[in-house]
Protein backbone atom coordinates (compact mmCIF):
# COMPACT_ATOMS: atom_id res chain seq x y z
CA UNK A 1 19.15 -1.56 20.36
CA UNK A 2 18.02 -3.15 17.16
CA UNK A 3 20.93 -5.02 15.61
CA UNK A 4 21.84 -3.85 12.13
CA UNK A 5 22.00 -7.31 10.65
CA UNK A 6 20.58 -5.99 7.39
CA UNK A 7 23.89 -4.26 6.70
CA UNK A 8 26.20 -7.10 7.58
CA UNK A 9 28.08 -8.74 4.77
CA UNK A 10 27.32 -12.17 6.14
CA UNK A 11 23.63 -11.48 5.75
CA UNK A 12 24.24 -10.61 2.09
CA UNK A 13 25.82 -14.02 1.58
CA UNK A 14 22.97 -15.70 3.42
CA UNK A 15 20.45 -13.79 1.32
CA UNK A 16 22.28 -14.89 -1.80
CA UNK A 17 21.98 -18.48 -0.72
CA UNK A 18 18.27 -18.04 -0.16
CA UNK A 19 17.83 -16.45 -3.57
CA UNK A 20 19.64 -19.33 -5.22
CA UNK A 21 17.59 -21.80 -3.25
CA UNK A 22 14.43 -19.93 -4.21
CA UNK A 23 15.17 -20.48 -7.89
CA UNK A 24 13.28 -23.72 -7.41
CA UNK A 25 10.16 -21.67 -6.67
CA UNK A 26 9.41 -21.21 -10.34
CA UNK A 27 6.96 -22.36 -12.93
CA UNK A 28 4.22 -24.56 -11.54
CA UNK A 29 5.34 -24.13 -7.92
CA UNK A 30 5.06 -20.34 -8.10
CA UNK A 31 1.75 -20.62 -9.93
CA UNK A 32 0.35 -22.93 -7.25
CA UNK A 33 1.43 -20.52 -4.52
CA UNK A 34 -0.18 -17.54 -6.24
CA UNK A 35 -3.39 -19.47 -6.88
CA UNK A 36 -3.46 -20.43 -3.20
CA UNK A 37 -3.04 -16.79 -2.12
CA UNK A 38 -5.86 -15.69 -4.44
CA UNK A 39 -8.44 -18.19 -3.17
CA UNK A 40 -9.96 -15.98 -0.41
CA UNK A 41 -10.39 -12.97 -2.72
CA UNK A 42 -13.61 -14.02 -4.58
CA UNK A 43 -15.33 -14.83 -1.28
CA UNK A 44 -14.29 -11.51 0.25
CA UNK A 45 -15.40 -9.61 -2.85
CA UNK A 46 -18.79 -11.29 -2.74
CA UNK A 47 -19.14 -10.56 0.98
CA UNK A 48 -18.31 -6.91 0.29
CA UNK A 49 -21.26 -6.74 -2.11
CA UNK A 50 -23.71 -8.47 0.22
CA UNK A 51 -22.85 -7.03 3.64
CA UNK A 52 -23.81 -3.55 4.76
CA UNK A 53 -26.52 -1.46 6.33
CA UNK A 54 -28.94 -2.71 3.66
CA UNK A 55 -28.98 -6.50 3.30
CA UNK A 56 -28.69 -7.82 -0.23
CA UNK A 57 -28.98 -11.47 -1.19
CA UNK A 58 -26.78 -13.26 -3.70
CA UNK A 59 -29.37 -13.25 -6.47
CA UNK A 60 -29.92 -9.49 -6.22
CA UNK A 61 -26.18 -8.85 -6.18
CA UNK A 62 -25.56 -10.92 -9.31
CA UNK A 63 -28.55 -9.34 -11.05
CA UNK A 64 -27.30 -5.86 -10.15
CA UNK A 65 -23.88 -6.57 -11.63
CA UNK A 66 -25.33 -7.75 -14.96
CA UNK A 67 -27.78 -4.84 -15.08
CA UNK A 68 -31.00 -6.22 -13.61
CA UNK A 69 -32.64 -6.96 -10.28
CA UNK A 70 -34.49 -4.73 -7.85
CA UNK A 71 -33.78 -1.03 -8.50
CA UNK A 72 -32.76 -0.22 -4.91
CA UNK A 73 -30.42 -3.23 -4.72
CA UNK A 74 -28.95 -2.43 -8.12
CA UNK A 75 -28.31 1.17 -7.07
CA UNK A 76 -26.53 0.16 -3.85
CA UNK A 77 -24.43 -2.58 -5.45
CA UNK A 78 -23.43 -0.77 -8.61
CA UNK A 79 -22.96 2.75 -7.24
CA UNK A 80 -21.63 2.11 -3.74
CA UNK A 81 -20.50 -1.41 -2.89
CA UNK A 82 -18.94 -2.52 -6.18
CA UNK A 83 -16.59 0.49 -6.54
CA UNK A 84 -15.76 0.21 -2.84
CA UNK A 85 -14.92 -3.49 -3.16
CA UNK A 86 -12.78 -2.90 -6.26
CA UNK A 87 -11.04 0.04 -4.58
CA UNK A 88 -10.16 -2.19 -1.62
CA UNK A 89 -9.04 -4.97 -3.97
CA UNK A 90 -6.75 -2.79 -6.08
CA UNK A 91 -5.74 -0.59 -3.16
CA UNK A 92 -4.62 -3.57 -1.13
CA UNK A 93 -2.59 -4.88 -4.06
CA UNK A 94 -0.93 -1.48 -4.45
CA UNK A 95 -0.06 -1.29 -0.76
CA UNK A 96 1.34 -4.82 -0.75
CA UNK A 97 3.52 -4.16 -3.78
CA UNK A 98 4.72 -0.81 -2.43
CA UNK A 99 5.65 -2.43 0.87
CA UNK A 100 7.62 -5.17 -0.86
CA UNK A 101 9.55 -2.59 -2.90
CA UNK A 102 10.26 -0.33 0.09
CA UNK A 103 11.46 -3.25 2.20
CA UNK A 104 13.85 -4.32 -0.54
CA UNK A 105 15.03 -0.75 -1.13
CA UNK A 106 15.74 -0.11 2.56
CA UNK A 107 16.66 -3.75 3.20
CA UNK A 108 14.43 -3.55 6.24
CA UNK A 109 11.26 -5.55 7.02
CA UNK A 110 9.84 -2.58 8.94
CA UNK A 111 9.79 -0.34 5.87
CA UNK A 112 6.20 0.64 5.12
CA UNK A 113 4.65 3.71 3.53
CA UNK A 114 2.67 4.44 6.69
CA UNK A 115 5.61 4.08 9.09
CA UNK A 116 8.09 5.95 6.88
CA UNK A 117 5.79 8.94 6.44
CA UNK A 118 5.05 8.40 2.74
CA UNK A 119 1.30 8.22 3.33
CA UNK A 120 1.46 11.35 5.51
CA UNK A 121 3.29 13.29 2.79
CA UNK A 122 0.75 12.16 0.24
CA UNK A 123 -2.08 13.23 2.55
CA UNK A 124 -0.52 16.67 3.07
CA UNK A 125 -0.31 17.38 -0.65
CA UNK A 126 -3.88 16.14 -1.08
CA UNK A 127 -4.96 18.51 1.68
CA UNK A 128 -3.33 21.39 -0.16
CA UNK A 129 -5.29 20.46 -3.26
CA UNK A 130 -8.64 19.61 -1.66
CA UNK A 131 -8.79 22.31 1.01
CA UNK A 132 -6.87 25.26 -0.42
CA UNK A 133 -7.28 24.57 -4.11
CA UNK A 134 -3.53 24.27 -4.75
CA UNK A 135 -2.93 22.32 -7.96
CA UNK A 136 0.05 21.57 -10.14
CA UNK A 137 -1.75 22.26 -13.40
CA UNK A 138 -4.90 23.63 -14.97
CA UNK A 139 -7.24 21.10 -13.33
CA UNK A 140 -9.68 22.10 -10.62
CA UNK A 141 -8.82 20.93 -7.09
CA UNK A 142 -11.65 18.39 -7.13
CA UNK A 143 -10.64 16.88 -10.47
CA UNK A 144 -9.62 13.23 -9.90
CA UNK A 145 -6.46 13.68 -11.95
CA UNK A 146 -5.47 16.67 -9.82
CA UNK A 147 -5.98 14.58 -6.69
CA UNK A 148 -3.86 11.72 -8.02
CA UNK A 149 -1.12 14.13 -9.13
CA UNK A 150 -1.06 15.90 -5.76
CA UNK A 151 -1.00 12.59 -3.92
CA UNK A 152 1.84 11.24 -6.07
CA UNK A 153 3.89 14.42 -5.59
CA UNK A 154 3.72 14.13 -1.81
CA UNK A 155 4.50 10.42 -1.79
CA UNK A 156 7.41 10.87 -4.21
CA UNK A 157 8.92 13.70 -2.17
CA UNK A 158 8.91 11.79 1.12
CA UNK A 159 10.11 8.53 -0.44
CA UNK A 160 13.03 10.33 -2.10
CA UNK A 161 13.84 12.06 1.19
CA UNK A 162 13.84 8.81 3.16
CA UNK A 163 15.93 7.08 0.49
CA UNK A 164 18.54 9.83 0.70
CA UNK A 165 18.51 9.59 4.49
CA UNK A 166 19.03 5.83 4.41
CA UNK A 167 22.20 6.37 2.39
CA UNK A 168 23.65 8.50 5.20
CA UNK A 169 22.16 6.97 8.34
CA UNK A 170 22.84 3.29 8.91
CA UNK A 171 20.70 2.86 12.02
CA UNK A 172 17.35 1.23 11.38
CA UNK A 173 15.94 2.77 14.53
CA UNK A 174 17.01 6.26 13.43
CA UNK A 175 15.37 5.84 10.03
CA UNK A 176 12.13 4.67 11.62
CA UNK A 177 12.13 7.59 14.05
CA UNK A 178 12.82 9.98 11.17
CA UNK A 179 9.85 8.53 9.30
CA UNK A 180 7.62 8.98 12.32
CA UNK A 181 8.78 12.58 12.73
CA UNK A 182 8.02 13.28 9.06
CA UNK A 183 4.55 11.84 9.65
CA UNK A 184 4.02 14.08 12.67
CA UNK A 185 5.13 17.16 10.74
CA UNK A 186 2.94 16.33 7.74
CA UNK A 187 -0.12 15.58 9.85
CA UNK A 188 0.48 18.73 11.93
CA UNK A 189 0.51 20.85 8.79
CA UNK A 190 -2.59 19.04 7.58
CA UNK A 191 -4.34 19.83 10.87
CA UNK A 192 -3.41 23.49 10.52
CA UNK A 193 -4.85 23.53 7.01
CA UNK A 194 -8.13 22.15 8.33
CA UNK A 195 -8.56 25.24 10.51
CA UNK A 196 -8.38 27.51 7.47
CA UNK A 197 -11.32 26.18 5.48
CA UNK A 198 -15.10 26.32 5.70
CA UNK A 199 -17.05 23.63 7.49
CA UNK A 200 -18.43 22.00 4.31
CA UNK A 201 -14.98 21.18 2.94
CA UNK A 202 -13.74 20.19 6.38
CA UNK A 203 -16.48 17.62 6.96
CA UNK A 204 -15.76 15.72 3.76
CA UNK A 205 -12.00 15.95 4.20
CA UNK A 206 -12.06 14.76 7.82
CA UNK A 207 -14.04 11.66 6.87
CA UNK A 208 -11.60 10.92 4.06
CA UNK A 209 -8.37 11.43 6.01
CA UNK A 210 -9.45 8.97 8.72
CA UNK A 211 -8.89 6.21 6.18
CA UNK A 212 -11.90 4.52 4.62
CA UNK A 213 -12.94 3.04 1.29
CA UNK A 214 -16.54 4.06 1.96
CA UNK A 215 -16.15 7.15 -0.20
CA UNK A 216 -14.79 5.29 -3.21
CA UNK A 217 -16.94 5.95 -6.27
CA UNK A 218 -16.57 5.32 -9.98
CA UNK A 219 -15.77 9.01 -10.51
CA UNK A 220 -12.51 8.68 -8.53
CA UNK A 221 -11.76 4.99 -9.18
CA UNK A 222 -12.10 4.93 -12.97
CA UNK A 223 -9.47 7.64 -13.68
CA UNK A 224 -7.06 5.77 -11.44
CA UNK A 225 -7.40 2.39 -13.17
CA UNK A 226 -4.69 3.09 -15.80
CA UNK A 227 -2.30 4.19 -13.06
CA UNK A 228 -3.13 1.06 -11.06
CA UNK A 229 -2.44 -1.14 -14.09
CA UNK A 230 0.85 0.63 -14.80
CA UNK A 231 1.84 0.54 -11.15
CA UNK A 232 1.23 -3.16 -10.62
CA UNK A 233 2.66 -4.33 -13.94
CA UNK A 234 5.78 -2.15 -13.86
CA UNK A 235 6.86 -3.46 -10.46
CA UNK A 236 7.50 -6.90 -11.92
CA UNK A 237 10.08 -5.29 -14.20
CA UNK A 238 11.97 -4.30 -11.04
CA UNK A 239 12.10 -7.82 -9.62
CA UNK A 240 15.55 -8.54 -11.06
CA UNK A 241 17.13 -5.25 -9.88
CA UNK A 242 15.57 -5.73 -6.44
CA UNK A 243 17.03 -9.23 -6.21
CA UNK A 244 20.43 -7.83 -7.13
CA UNK A 245 20.21 -5.09 -4.49
CA UNK A 246 19.50 -7.68 -1.82
CA UNK A 247 22.93 -9.13 -2.52
CA UNK A 248 24.61 -5.77 -1.92
CA UNK A 249 25.56 -2.73 -3.95
CA UNK A 250 28.90 -4.23 -5.00
CA UNK A 251 27.15 -7.22 -6.53
CA UNK A 252 24.62 -4.96 -8.25
CA UNK A 253 27.42 -2.89 -9.78
CA UNK A 254 29.20 -6.03 -10.93
CA UNK A 255 26.02 -6.93 -12.82
CA UNK A 256 26.26 -3.62 -14.71
CA UNK A 257 23.45 -1.94 -12.79
CA UNK A 258 23.27 1.86 -12.71
CA UNK A 259 22.48 2.24 -9.02
CA UNK A 260 21.40 5.87 -9.14
CA UNK A 261 18.98 5.34 -12.01
CA UNK A 262 17.69 2.09 -10.52
CA UNK A 263 17.01 3.72 -7.16
CA UNK A 264 15.11 6.54 -8.86
CA UNK A 265 12.95 4.00 -10.68
CA UNK A 266 12.32 2.09 -7.45
CA UNK A 267 11.39 5.28 -5.60
CA UNK A 268 8.87 6.20 -8.30
CA UNK A 269 7.49 2.65 -8.40
CA UNK A 270 7.04 2.63 -4.62
CA UNK A 271 5.42 6.08 -4.54
CA UNK A 272 2.77 5.62 -7.23
CA UNK A 273 0.85 2.78 -5.50
CA UNK A 274 0.76 4.73 -2.22
CA UNK A 275 -0.50 7.83 -4.03
CA UNK A 276 -3.32 5.85 -5.64
CA UNK A 277 -4.51 4.40 -2.34
CA UNK A 278 -4.25 7.72 -0.50
CA UNK A 279 -6.37 9.41 -3.15
CA UNK A 280 -8.96 6.62 -2.92
CA UNK A 281 -9.17 6.08 0.82
CA UNK A 282 -6.79 8.31 2.74
CA UNK A 283 -3.86 6.94 4.72
CA UNK A 284 -4.24 3.17 5.16
CA UNK A 285 -1.58 1.75 7.44
CA UNK A 286 0.24 -1.55 7.95
CA UNK A 287 -0.98 -3.44 4.86
CA UNK A 288 2.34 -2.66 3.17
CA UNK A 289 4.13 -4.05 6.21
CA UNK A 290 2.14 -7.23 6.75
CA UNK A 291 1.57 -8.41 3.17
CA UNK A 292 5.28 -8.73 2.19
CA UNK A 293 6.06 -10.27 5.58
CA UNK A 294 3.42 -12.94 5.05
CA UNK A 295 4.57 -13.44 1.46
CA UNK A 296 8.12 -14.22 2.60
CA UNK A 297 7.02 -16.42 5.47
CA UNK A 298 4.52 -18.44 3.44
CA UNK A 299 6.54 -18.65 0.21
CA UNK A 300 9.85 -19.32 1.98
CA UNK A 301 11.71 -17.27 -0.60
CA UNK A 302 13.25 -13.84 -1.11
CA UNK A 303 12.88 -13.92 -4.90
CA UNK A 304 10.91 -10.84 -5.93
CA UNK A 305 9.50 -12.60 -8.98
CA UNK A 306 7.45 -14.45 -6.36
CA UNK A 307 7.31 -11.88 -3.55
CA UNK A 308 5.84 -9.02 -5.61
CA UNK A 309 2.74 -10.84 -6.97
CA UNK A 310 2.33 -12.66 -3.65
CA UNK A 311 2.40 -9.35 -1.78
CA UNK A 312 -0.22 -7.95 -4.17
CA UNK A 313 -2.59 -10.88 -3.61
CA UNK A 314 -2.09 -10.98 0.15
CA UNK A 315 -2.45 -7.20 0.31
CA UNK A 316 -5.80 -7.44 -1.47
CA UNK A 317 -6.94 -10.20 0.88
CA UNK A 318 -5.94 -8.28 4.02
CA UNK A 319 -7.50 -5.03 2.81
CA UNK A 320 -10.80 -6.61 1.79
CA UNK A 321 -10.98 -8.41 5.14
CA UNK A 322 -10.11 -5.24 7.07
CA UNK A 323 -12.71 -3.26 5.12
CA UNK A 324 -15.37 -5.81 6.01
CA UNK A 325 -14.36 -5.75 9.68
CA UNK A 326 -14.49 -1.96 9.69
CA UNK A 327 -18.16 -2.23 8.66
CA UNK A 328 -19.13 -5.07 10.99
CA UNK A 329 -17.16 -4.48 14.20
CA UNK A 330 -19.43 -1.74 15.57
CA UNK A 331 -22.34 -2.07 13.15
CA UNK A 332 -24.09 0.16 12.14
CA UNK A 333 -21.20 2.51 12.98
CA UNK A 334 -18.25 2.21 10.60
CA UNK A 335 -14.73 2.58 11.98
CA UNK A 336 -11.65 3.75 10.01
CA UNK A 337 -9.90 0.91 8.23
CA UNK A 338 -6.53 1.80 9.78
CA UNK A 339 -8.15 1.20 13.16
CA UNK A 340 -8.55 -2.41 12.05
CA UNK A 341 -5.21 -2.87 10.27
CA UNK A 342 -3.32 -1.42 13.24
CA UNK A 343 -4.66 -4.23 15.43
CA UNK A 344 -2.51 -6.79 13.59
CA UNK A 345 0.09 -4.43 12.08
CA UNK A 346 1.28 -2.73 15.26
CA UNK A 347 1.94 -6.02 17.12
CA UNK A 348 3.95 -7.19 14.10
CA UNK A 349 6.12 -4.06 14.31
CA UNK A 350 6.72 -4.69 18.02
CA UNK A 351 7.54 -8.33 17.31
CA UNK A 352 10.09 -7.46 14.63
CA UNK A 353 11.70 -4.83 16.87
CA UNK A 354 11.96 -7.23 19.81
CA UNK A 355 13.18 -9.99 17.56
CA UNK A 356 16.02 -7.64 16.68
CA UNK A 357 16.84 -8.84 13.22
CA UNK A 358 13.61 -8.90 11.26
CA UNK A 359 12.88 -11.05 8.25
CA UNK A 360 15.70 -12.30 6.10
CA UNK A 361 15.21 -10.78 2.69
């Protein structure tokens, strides 16, 4: 059985020592680390613009971005590949940040929106909106704001449920199984909904729910940009509370922290990024697991002032790379992006389970 070292007081003391030690990872050192993590991103973005079923050279891509070049190349770059690349860039950052927050909240390196059922809950509420026309306001079901609102509602509900469960159940294995069961229930209900709609709606929805940034367009990306900016910037405000929670609830209380209010803020901050990505590309798995893990391993720190931006950059890198692989692996056939991310995410889950104690936060 997986040892519950995350709950042991000795681990809290060890984590505290690591946080104090990580205070040296500030200023220029942190900046150098973040610059290092961002280096692959421009290359991956450029590759996303050039690679596809229609070959585009560098000159045409640059001309298309600035408003010139061959008409067919400009159309493909500006209308299809550029919004897709930006969606993968921002979506990966959102998943990385959400994973870092969830892992700190649950004090568990296996916490991820995909594993805990958050993505499944978000997908279910999106299915209600897209397939049955259920909305939470006056917007039409296809309105981008209605999609984002439905997605956020589902993600928030499941995250709050799992947070409440973690306060009662101390077993990591039990929490993971509960998350998987929530995923099964949500996806089962989503499958039932698919049998109730006409074939036109079903075709578009099935392609979306498989998980792909291929359908990302300006019409859905642009309305989400303010939410993306709020989501990514607000998480840095939670770095200090997250650091305090790693040292235990008693320490957090001694620092004057209102635990109930703080947990509510963390739940909302973890749910919004997942909702954004689910609305853009469907359920994308394992980025939120791998990015924070790599951030801790490479940065050698548990300080969330470093971990959060590092997870965002590494999440963007992993997602852009996975999106490219999904296009190239079986070219010209495109495979779901989760089919790619699962190839390195699932072995990491197995490794952490067999290791028995996970990553020291």
